[in-house]
């Protein structure tokens, strides 16, 4: 699996995780649950990223925030106004 495929898989896992933990409030707990899920998935399937742990944690944190921001401004915004 090349780096692009790895990050594609991680991005999909982050998106799925965000949907799975969605409920009102507890943003930081939900974020940590998504990060833990992704790390567990990577460990379970022996997926390795050629980055230091601190860099990968930064990237993963950014991915979760980005997915939530996109959903807040699109799908979840529409649900809140419906």
PDB file of N, CA and C in Angstrom:
ATOM      1  N   UNK A   1       0.843  -1.163   0.000  1.00  0.00           N
ATOM      2  CA  UNK A   1       0.000   0.000   0.000  1.00  0.00           C
ATOM      3  C   UNK A   1       0.898   1.239   0.000  1.00  0.00           C
ATOM      4  N   UNK A   2       0.670   2.135  -0.962  1.00  0.00           N
ATOM      5  CA  UNK A   2       1.494   3.340  -1.016  1.00  0.00           C
ATOM      6  C   UNK A   2       0.934   4.425  -0.089  1.00  0.00           C
ATOM      7  N   UNK A   3       1.668   5.504   0.071  1.00  0.00           N
ATOM      8  CA  UNK A   3       1.299   6.562   1.007  1.00  0.00           C
ATOM      9  C   UNK A   3      -0.058   7.173   0.669  1.00  0.00           C
ATOM     10  N   UNK A   4      -0.329   7.375  -0.609  1.00  0.00           N
ATOM     11  CA  UNK A   4      -1.622   7.929  -1.019  1.00  0.00           C
ATOM     12  C   UNK A   4      -2.757   7.001  -0.595  1.00  0.00           C
ATOM     13  N   UNK A   5      -2.597   5.715  -0.813  1.00  0.00           N
ATOM     14  CA  UNK A   5      -3.624   4.746  -0.432  1.00  0.00           C
ATOM     15  C   UNK A   5      -3.809   4.705   1.084  1.00  0.00           C
ATOM     16  N   UNK A   6      -2.714   4.806   1.813  1.00  0.00           N
ATOM     17  CA  UNK A   6      -2.795   4.808   3.276  1.00  0.00           C
ATOM     18  C   UNK A   6      -3.599   6.014   3.758  1.00  0.00           C
ATOM     19  N   UNK A   7      -3.293   7.197   3.236  1.00  0.00           N
ATOM     20  CA  UNK A   7      -4.013   8.383   3.683  1.00  0.00           C
ATOM     21  C   UNK A   7      -5.449   8.404   3.182  1.00  0.00           C
ATOM     22  N   UNK A   8      -5.720   7.805   2.041  1.00  0.00           N
ATOM     23  CA  UNK A   8      -7.098   7.663   1.580  1.00  0.00           C
ATOM     24  C   UNK A   8      -7.882   6.806   2.572  1.00  0.00           C
ATOM     25  N   UNK A   9      -7.303   5.693   2.980  1.00  0.00           N
ATOM     26  CA  UNK A   9      -7.940   4.810   3.956  1.00  0.00           C
ATOM     27  C   UNK A   9      -8.132   5.519   5.296  1.00  0.00           C
ATOM     28  N   UNK A  10      -7.122   6.229   5.746  1.00  0.00           N
ATOM     29  CA  UNK A  10      -7.217   6.947   7.017  1.00  0.00           C
ATOM     30  C   UNK A  10      -8.301   8.025   6.939  1.00  0.00           C
ATOM     31  N   UNK A  11      -8.362   8.738   5.829  1.00  0.00           N
ATOM     32  CA  UNK A  11      -9.402   9.757   5.654  1.00  0.00           C
ATOM     33  C   UNK A  11     -10.795   9.163   5.698  1.00  0.00           C
ATOM     34  N   UNK A  12     -10.966   8.012   5.080  1.00  0.00           N
ATOM     35  CA  UNK A  12     -12.271   7.338   5.115  1.00  0.00           C
ATOM     36  C   UNK A  12     -12.597   6.872   6.530  1.00  0.00           C
ATOM     37  N   UNK A  13     -11.605   6.372   7.235  1.00  0.00           N
ATOM     38  CA  UNK A  13     -11.820   5.919   8.612  1.00  0.00           C
ATOM     39  C   UNK A  13     -12.184   7.097   9.513  1.00  0.00           C
ATOM     40  N   UNK A  14     -11.529   8.229   9.321  1.00  0.00           N
ATOM     41  CA  UNK A  14     -11.854   9.426  10.100  1.00  0.00           C
ATOM     42  C   UNK A  14     -13.297   9.845   9.829  1.00  0.00           C
ATOM     43  N   UNK A  15     -13.688   9.881   8.562  1.00  0.00           N
ATOM     44  CA  UNK A  15     -15.062  10.265   8.216  1.00  0.00           C
ATOM     45  C   UNK A  15     -16.074   9.326   8.855  1.00  0.00           C
ATOM     46  N   UNK A  16     -15.831   8.036   8.757  1.00  0.00           N
ATOM     47  CA  UNK A  16     -16.722   7.055   9.370  1.00  0.00           C
ATOM     48  C   UNK A  16     -16.777   7.253  10.882  1.00  0.00           C
ATOM     49  N   UNK A  17     -15.630   7.431  11.490  1.00  0.00           N
ATOM     50  CA  UNK A  17     -15.577   7.626  12.934  1.00  0.00           C
ATOM     51  C   UNK A  17     -16.349   8.849  13.384  1.00  0.00           C
ATOM     52  N   UNK A  18     -16.239   9.936  12.642  1.00  0.00           N
ATOM     53  CA  UNK A  18     -16.959  11.163  12.993  1.00  0.00           C
ATOM     54  C   UNK A  18     -18.464  10.911  12.966  1.00  0.00           C
ATOM     55  N   UNK A  19     -18.937  10.193  11.955  1.00  0.00           N
ATOM     56  CA  UNK A  19     -20.360   9.874  11.891  1.00  0.00           C
ATOM     57  C   UNK A  19     -20.778   8.950  13.034  1.00  0.00           C
ATOM     58  N   UNK A  20     -19.937   7.995  13.375  1.00  0.00           N
ATOM     59  CA  UNK A  20     -20.283   7.028  14.419  1.00  0.00           C
ATOM     60  C   UNK A  20     -20.404   7.657  15.799  1.00  0.00           C
ATOM     61  N   UNK A  21     -19.597   8.651  16.087  1.00  0.00           N
ATOM     62  CA  UNK A  21     -19.616   9.250  17.427  1.00  0.00           C
ATOM     63  C   UNK A  21     -20.505  10.485  17.511  1.00  0.00           C
ATOM     64  N   UNK A  22     -21.181  10.851  16.432  1.00  0.00           N
ATOM     65  CA  UNK A  22     -21.938  12.094  16.417  1.00  0.00           C
ATOM     66  C   UNK A  22     -23.099  12.065  17.404  1.00  0.00           C
ATOM     67  N   UNK A  23     -23.088  13.078  18.250  1.00  0.00           N
ATOM     68  CA  UNK A  23     -24.150  13.373  19.201  1.00  0.00           C
ATOM     69  C   UNK A  23     -23.856  14.773  19.727  1.00  0.00           C
ATOM     70  N   UNK A  24     -24.836  15.452  20.278  1.00  0.00           N
ATOM     71  CA  UNK A  24     -24.586  16.813  20.767  1.00  0.00           C
ATOM     72  C   UNK A  24     -23.552  16.847  21.898  1.00  0.00           C
ATOM     73  N   UNK A  25     -22.677  17.842  21.846  1.00  0.00           N
ATOM     74  CA  UNK A  25     -21.710  18.077  22.918  1.00  0.00           C
ATOM     75  C   UNK A  25     -20.539  17.122  22.956  1.00  0.00           C
ATOM     76  N   UNK A  26     -19.684  17.308  23.962  1.00  0.00           N
ATOM     77  CA  UNK A  26     -18.504  16.460  24.197  1.00  0.00           C
ATOM     78  C   UNK A  26     -17.547  16.401  23.012  1.00  0.00           C
ATOM     79  N   UNK A  27     -17.296  17.533  22.379  1.00  0.00           N
ATOM     80  CA  UNK A  27     -16.461  17.569  21.184  1.00  0.00           C
ATOM     81  C   UNK A  27     -15.098  16.921  21.341  1.00  0.00           C
ATOM     82  N   UNK A  28     -14.406  17.236  22.421  1.00  0.00           N
ATOM     83  CA  UNK A  28     -13.057  16.681  22.604  1.00  0.00           C
ATOM     84  C   UNK A  28     -13.094  15.175  22.851  1.00  0.00           C
ATOM     85  N   UNK A  29     -14.101  14.703  23.577  1.00  0.00           N
ATOM     86  CA  UNK A  29     -14.226  13.258  23.811  1.00  0.00           C
ATOM     87  C   UNK A  29     -14.532  12.528  22.505  1.00  0.00           C
ATOM     88  N   UNK A  30     -15.399  13.123  21.686  1.00  0.00           N
ATOM     89  CA  UNK A  30     -15.726  12.509  20.394  1.00  0.00           C
ATOM     90  C   UNK A  30     -14.495  12.487  19.496  1.00  0.00           C
ATOM     91  N   UNK A  31     -13.754  13.584  19.499  1.00  0.00           N
ATOM     92  CA  UNK A  31     -12.542  13.664  18.683  1.00  0.00           C
ATOM     93  C   UNK A  31     -11.550  12.586  19.103  1.00  0.00           C
ATOM     94  N   UNK A  32     -11.353  12.434  20.406  1.00  0.00           N
ATOM     95  CA  UNK A  32     -10.425  11.413  20.894  1.00  0.00           C
ATOM     96  C   UNK A  32     -10.920  10.012  20.551  1.00  0.00           C
ATOM     97  N   UNK A  33     -12.239   9.802  20.586  1.00  0.00           N
ATOM     98  CA  UNK A  33     -12.796   8.496  20.223  1.00  0.00           C
ATOM     99  C   UNK A  33     -12.502   8.171  18.762  1.00  0.00           C
ATOM    100  N   UNK A  34     -12.611   9.167  17.891  1.00  0.00           N
ATOM    101  CA  UNK A  34     -12.306   8.957  16.467  1.00  0.00           C
ATOM    102  C   UNK A  34     -10.821   8.652  16.292  1.00  0.00           C
ATOM    103  N   UNK A  35      -9.963   9.413  16.938  1.00  0.00           N
ATOM    104  CA  UNK A  35      -8.518   9.186  16.842  1.00  0.00           C
ATOM    105  C   UNK A  35      -8.167   7.796  17.352  1.00  0.00           C
ATOM    106  N   UNK A  36      -8.742   7.408  18.489  1.00  0.00           N
ATOM    107  CA  UNK A  36      -8.481   6.070  19.033  1.00  0.00           C
ATOM    108  C   UNK A  36      -8.944   4.981  18.078  1.00  0.00           C
ATOM    109  N   UNK A  37     -10.110   5.193  17.438  1.00  0.00           N
ATOM    110  CA  UNK A  37     -10.629   4.214  16.491  1.00  0.00           C
ATOM    111  C   UNK A  37      -9.683   4.049  15.301  1.00  0.00           C
ATOM    112  N   UNK A  38      -9.207   5.170  14.767  1.00  0.00           N
ATOM    113  CA  UNK A  38      -8.301   5.118  13.616  1.00  0.00           C
ATOM    114  C   UNK A  38      -6.993   4.427  13.998  1.00  0.00           C
ATOM    115  N   UNK A  39      -6.443   4.775  15.142  1.00  0.00           N
ATOM    116  CA  UNK A  39      -5.193   4.141  15.583  1.00  0.00           C
ATOM    117  C   UNK A  39      -5.380   2.645  15.815  1.00  0.00           C
ATOM    118  N   UNK A  40      -6.525   2.263  16.359  1.00  0.00           N
ATOM    119  CA  UNK A  40      -6.827   0.844  16.570  1.00  0.00           C
ATOM    120  C   UNK A  40      -6.947   0.107  15.242  1.00  0.00           C
ATOM    121  N   UNK A  41      -7.623   0.727  14.284  1.00  0.00           N
ATOM    122  CA  UNK A  41      -7.761   0.141  12.946  1.00  0.00           C
ATOM    123  C   UNK A  41      -6.391  -0.051  12.307  1.00  0.00           C
ATOM    124  N   UNK A  42      -5.547   0.964  12.423  1.00  0.00           N
ATOM    125  CA  UNK A  42      -4.208   0.871  11.845  1.00  0.00           C
ATOM    126  C   UNK A  42      -3.398  -0.235  12.512  1.00  0.00           C
ATOM    127  N   UNK A  43      -3.523  -0.350  13.820  1.00  0.00           N
ATOM    128  CA  UNK A  43      -2.807  -1.392  14.547  1.00  0.00           C
ATOM    129  C   UNK A  43      -3.327  -2.778  14.164  1.00  0.00           C
ATOM    130  N   UNK A  44      -4.643  -2.910  14.101  1.00  0.00           N
ATOM    131  CA  UNK A  44      -5.274  -4.198  13.776  1.00  0.00           C
ATOM    132  C   UNK A  44      -4.833  -4.714  12.407  1.00  0.00           C
ATOM    133  N   UNK A  45      -4.714  -3.818  11.440  1.00  0.00           N
ATOM    134  CA  UNK A  45      -4.355  -4.212  10.079  1.00  0.00           C
ATOM    135  C   UNK A  45      -2.893  -3.938   9.743  1.00  0.00           C
ATOM    136  N   UNK A  46      -2.094  -3.639  10.763  1.00  0.00           N
ATOM    137  CA  UNK A  46      -0.657  -3.416  10.612  1.00  0.00           C
ATOM    138  C   UNK A  46      -0.349  -2.371   9.537  1.00  0.00           C
ATOM    139  N   UNK A  47      -1.057  -1.251   9.606  1.00  0.00           N
ATOM    140  CA  UNK A  47      -0.851  -0.145   8.672  1.00  0.00           C
ATOM    141  C   UNK A  47       0.147   0.816   9.306  1.00  0.00           C
ATOM    142  N   UNK A  48       1.225   1.066   8.608  1.00  0.00           N
ATOM    143  CA  UNK A  48       2.283   1.948   9.107  1.00  0.00           C
ATOM    144  C   UNK A  48       2.400   3.177   8.212  1.00  0.00           C
ATOM    145  N   UNK A  49       2.619   4.311   8.842  1.00  0.00           N
ATOM    146  CA  UNK A  49       2.789   5.571   8.127  1.00  0.00           C
ATOM    147  C   UNK A  49       4.232   6.018   8.326  1.00  0.00           C
ATOM    148  N   UNK A  50       4.906   6.399   7.236  1.00  0.00           N
ATOM    149  CA  UNK A  50       6.314   6.797   7.359  1.00  0.00           C
ATOM    150  C   UNK A  50       6.483   8.217   7.902  1.00  0.00           C
ATOM    151  N   UNK A  51       5.873   8.469   9.054  1.00  0.00           N
ATOM    152  CA  UNK A  51       5.971   9.767   9.717  1.00  0.00           C
ATOM    153  C   UNK A  51       6.259   9.526  11.191  1.00  0.00           C
ATOM    154  N   UNK A  52       6.851  10.501  11.839  1.00  0.00           N
ATOM    155  CA  UNK A  52       7.044  10.380  13.288  1.00  0.00           C
ATOM    156  C   UNK A  52       5.671  10.402  13.961  1.00  0.00           C
ATOM    157  N   UNK A  53       5.598   9.868  15.163  1.00  0.00           N
ATOM    158  CA  UNK A  53       4.326   9.834  15.885  1.00  0.00           C
ATOM    159  C   UNK A  53       3.751  11.233  16.079  1.00  0.00           C
ATOM    160  N   UNK A  54       4.600  12.191  16.423  1.00  0.00           N
ATOM    161  CA  UNK A  54       4.105  13.549  16.671  1.00  0.00           C
ATOM    162  C   UNK A  54       3.557  14.193  15.397  1.00  0.00           C
ATOM    163  N   UNK A  55       4.211  13.966  14.271  1.00  0.00           N
ATOM    164  CA  UNK A  55       3.721  14.516  13.000  1.00  0.00           C
ATOM    165  C   UNK A  55       2.415  13.840  12.616  1.00  0.00           C
ATOM    166  N   UNK A  56       2.357  12.519  12.771  1.00  0.00           N
ATOM    167  CA  UNK A  56       1.133  11.812  12.414  1.00  0.00           C
ATOM    168  C   UNK A  56      -0.025  12.222  13.320  1.00  0.00           C
ATOM    169  N   UNK A  57       0.226  12.419  14.606  1.00  0.00           N
ATOM    170  CA  UNK A  57      -0.821  12.882  15.524  1.00  0.00           C
ATOM    171  C   UNK A  57      -1.345  14.247  15.090  1.00  0.00           C
ATOM    172  N   UNK A  58      -0.449  15.129  14.652  1.00  0.00           N
ATOM    173  CA  UNK A  58      -0.855  16.442  14.156  1.00  0.00           C
ATOM    174  C   UNK A  58      -1.738  16.295  12.919  1.00  0.00           C
ATOM    175  N   UNK A  59      -1.330  15.443  11.984  1.00  0.00           N
ATOM    176  CA  UNK A  59      -2.092  15.220  10.753  1.00  0.00           C
ATOM    177  C   UNK A  59      -3.464  14.634  11.078  1.00  0.00           C
ATOM    178  N   UNK A  60      -3.506  13.647  11.946  1.00  0.00           N
ATOM    179  CA  UNK A  60      -4.763  13.005  12.315  1.00  0.00           C
ATOM    180  C   UNK A  60      -5.694  14.001  13.004  1.00  0.00           C
ATOM    181  N   UNK A  61      -5.160  14.808  13.892  1.00  0.00           N
ATOM    182  CA  UNK A  61      -5.930  15.848  14.567  1.00  0.00           C
ATOM    183  C   UNK A  61      -6.528  16.816  13.543  1.00  0.00           C
ATOM    184  N   UNK A  62      -5.703  17.225  12.584  1.00  0.00           N
ATOM    185  CA  UNK A  62      -6.150  18.124  11.521  1.00  0.00           C
ATOM    186  C   UNK A  62      -7.247  17.479  10.680  1.00  0.00           C
ATOM    187  N   UNK A  63      -7.094  16.195  10.343  1.00  0.00           N
ATOM    188  CA  UNK A  63      -8.101  15.499   9.538  1.00  0.00           C
ATOM    189  C   UNK A  63      -9.450  15.450  10.250  1.00  0.00           C
ATOM    190  N   UNK A  64      -9.442  15.117  11.525  1.00  0.00           N
ATOM    191  CA  UNK A  64     -10.700  15.059  12.277  1.00  0.00           C
ATOM    192  C   UNK A  64     -11.360  16.437  12.297  1.00  0.00           C
ATOM    193  N   UNK A  65     -10.602  17.475  12.622  1.00  0.00           N
ATOM    194  CA  UNK A  65     -11.156  18.831  12.646  1.00  0.00           C
ATOM    195  C   UNK A  65     -11.700  19.234  11.281  1.00  0.00           C
ATOM    196  N   UNK A  66     -10.999  18.880  10.218  1.00  0.00           N
ATOM    197  CA  UNK A  66     -11.431  19.242   8.867  1.00  0.00           C
ATOM    198  C   UNK A  66     -12.734  18.555   8.488  1.00  0.00           C
ATOM    199  N   UNK A  67     -12.843  17.266   8.782  1.00  0.00           N
ATOM    200  CA  UNK A  67     -14.080  16.538   8.473  1.00  0.00           C
ATOM    201  C   UNK A  67     -15.246  17.142   9.254  1.00  0.00           C
ATOM    202  N   UNK A  68     -15.043  17.414  10.532  1.00  0.00           N
ATOM    203  CA  UNK A  68     -16.107  18.002  11.356  1.00  0.00           C
ATOM    204  C   UNK A  68     -16.489  19.383  10.827  1.00  0.00           C
ATOM    205  N   UNK A  69     -15.516  20.207  10.457  1.00  0.00           N
ATOM    206  CA  UNK A  69     -15.810  21.538   9.911  1.00  0.00           C
ATOM    207  C   UNK A  69     -16.643  21.443   8.641  1.00  0.00           C
ATOM    208  N   UNK A  70     -16.279  20.534   7.755  1.00  0.00           N
ATOM    209  CA  UNK A  70     -17.032  20.360   6.504  1.00  0.00           C
ATOM    210  C   UNK A  70     -18.458  19.916   6.804  1.00  0.00           C
ATOM    211  N   UNK A  71     -18.611  18.932   7.677  1.00  0.00           N
ATOM    212  CA  UNK A  71     -19.949  18.444   8.010  1.00  0.00           C
ATOM    213  C   UNK A  71     -20.771  19.504   8.736  1.00  0.00           C
ATOM    214  N   UNK A  72     -20.142  20.282   9.607  1.00  0.00           N
ATOM    215  CA  UNK A  72     -20.856  21.355  10.308  1.00  0.00           C
ATOM    216  C   UNK A  72     -21.374  22.416   9.346  1.00  0.00           C
ATOM    217  N   UNK A  73     -20.643  22.661   8.268  1.00  0.00           N
ATOM    218  CA  UNK A  73     -21.054  23.708   7.329  1.00  0.00           C
ATOM    219  C   UNK A  73     -21.933  23.183   6.197  1.00  0.00           C
ATOM    220  N   UNK A  74     -22.158  21.873   6.152  1.00  0.00           N
ATOM    221  CA  UNK A  74     -22.984  21.306   5.074  1.00  0.00           C
ATOM    222  C   UNK A  74     -24.110  20.452   5.648  1.00  0.00           C
ATOM    223  N   UNK A  75     -23.881  19.190   5.794  1.00  0.00           N
ATOM    224  CA  UNK A  75     -24.919  18.232   6.179  1.00  0.00           C
ATOM    225  C   UNK A  75     -25.536  18.572   7.530  1.00  0.00           C
ATOM    226  N   UNK A  76     -24.717  18.763   8.557  1.00  0.00           N
ATOM    227  CA  UNK A  76     -25.263  18.994   9.893  1.00  0.00           C
ATOM    228  C   UNK A  76     -25.899  20.364  10.004  1.00  0.00           C
ATOM    229  N   UNK A  77     -25.441  21.337   9.230  1.00  0.00           N
ATOM    230  CA  UNK A  77     -26.057  22.665   9.231  1.00  0.00           C
ATOM    231  C   UNK A  77     -27.470  22.570   8.674  1.00  0.00           C
ATOM    232  N   UNK A  78     -27.621  21.798   7.587  1.00  0.00           N
ATOM    233  CA  UNK A  78     -28.934  21.615   6.975  1.00  0.00           C
ATOM    234  C   UNK A  78     -29.882  20.907   7.928  1.00  0.00           C
ATOM    235  N   UNK A  79     -29.392  19.912   8.666  1.00  0.00           N
ATOM    236  CA  UNK A  79     -30.229  19.189   9.626  1.00  0.00           C
ATOM    237  C   UNK A  79     -30.666  20.107  10.761  1.00  0.00           C
ATOM    238  N   UNK A  80     -29.784  20.990  11.195  1.00  0.00           N
ATOM    239  CA  UNK A  80     -30.097  21.884  12.309  1.00  0.00           C
ATOM    240  C   UNK A  80     -31.157  22.912  11.925  1.00  0.00           C
ATOM    241  N   UNK A  81     -31.200  23.307  10.653  1.00  0.00           N
ATOM    242  CA  UNK A  81     -32.162  24.312  10.213  1.00  0.00           C
ATOM    243  C   UNK A  81     -33.460  23.694   9.720  1.00  0.00           C
ATOM    244  N   UNK A  82     -33.502  22.384   9.594  1.00  0.00           N
ATOM    245  CA  UNK A  82     -34.713  21.717   9.076  1.00  0.00           C
ATOM    246  C   UNK A  82     -35.790  21.615  10.128  1.00  0.00           C
TER     247      UNK A  82
END
